Amino acid sequence: MERKEEVMKRIGKKIGVFLVSLFVLSFVTFAIARLAPGDPLVSYYGERVEKMSETQKAAARKRLGVDEPLLVQYGRWLERAVHGDFGLSFQYKQPAGDVLAARIGNTLLLGGAAYIVLFLASLLIGVGCALHEGTWLDRVLVKAGTVSACVPEFWLCLLLIFVFSVTLGWLPASGAYTIGRQSDVLDRLAHLVLPLAVLVISHVWYYAALVRNRLLEELGKDYVLLGQANGLSLRRIVWRHGVPNVLPSYLSLMAIALPHILGGTYVVEMVFSYPGLGALAYESARYHDYNVLMLTVLLSGMVVLMANGLVNALAHRLDPTQDDTQILRESEGEWL
C-alpha cells in the first residue's frame, strides 16, 4: 500500500504535467493561428474590409489586439484566460465562451451516444465472435469489421448521405434539427442517426477485436475446461468468468478511445454540417476566429490529457508495478 505522501506526490506530478501540457498546447496553437496566412479583419468585418483604408485597418487591428508582437499578444491572452476571459469571437461578435457553450451540447450528445453504443456493440460483437470462433458468423464479422475499419470516415459519410438521404429520402443529411423544431426529440434523433452510424461503423471493430482476441485466450485456460466438465455451458462460462477477466483491459482501451472518438466526431460534424465543436473548430480556423479556435483546441486537448490520465490511473490500479504507458503499448500492439 502506498504511503499518503507518495500518493500526493504522484498526484501533484500528474497535475503539473497536465498544466504544462496545456500551456505548451495553448502557445503552439496561438502561434500557428496567428502566423498562418490570412487577415482576421475579414472574420470581424467581412467584405467591408475591402472598402477600408490602411489607416482604418490599422486602427481596427489595434482594437482587436492583433497589431502587437506575438509574445505580447499571447501574454495578454494568457492573463485574461487565467481569469476565465477567452476573448471575443471575431465572427460571431460575442464572447468565445458563449459561442462554445451553444455548440458543446450537440457534440456531447453525438460523442456520448457514439461512446455508449461503441462500448456495448464492441463487447457484444467480440463475445459473439469468440463463442462462434471459426463459424460462418465469426468469419463474416471479422471480414466486415476489417473492411469497415479501413473505410475513411468522410467517404462513409458521403455514402450514407447518398443512400439514405438522397436516394431513399429516409433521413436528413445535415444539421442537428429542422429549423423551428429544436424541441422535437424525434427530429433530433433522426438527425443523429447517420452521424452516429458513421462513428460506430468506423470504430467498432477496433475494440471488438480486443474482446474477441482476449476471450479466445481465456477459452484456452484450464478453468474453462473444468467448468465444461462440470456441466456448465460455454456461454455461461464466458459471461460469468471470461468477460469479467477481460473487462479491465477493455475498460483501459475504452479510456484511450475517448480522443479517437472525439476526433472522429469532429470529422463527421464537418461532413454532415452538424453544429458541434468540430464544425466550429473548422470555421474558426478558416475565418481566423482566433479566440474561438484557441478555446476549442484547449478543450479538445483537455479531453485527450484527461483520457491519458484515466488510462494511467487504471493501469496503476490494476497493477501498481506497471509503468504508466504499459497498457497503452499493449493496446497498440498485442490486441490487434
Foldseek 3Di string as FASTA:
>chain_A
DDDPVVVVVVVVVLVVVLVVVLVVLLLVLLVCLLPDDDDLVCLQPNPCVVVDDPVRVVVVCVVQVSPDDSVVSVVVQVVCVVVVQLDAFSNPRGGLVVLQVVFAVLLCVLLVVLLVCLLVLLLVLLLVLQVVPPDPSVVVCVVQLVVLQPDDLLVQLVVCCCPDCVPVNPADQAEQADPPPPVPPVRNVRLSVSLSVSLNSNPNNLLSLLSNVQLNVVCPDDVVVVCVVVPDDNSVCCVVPVCVVSVLLSVLVSLQCQLVSSVSSLSSCCSRVYRHLSVVCVVCSVSSRSSNVSVSSSVSSSSNSVSLVVSQVSVCVVPVVDHSCPSVVCSVPVSD
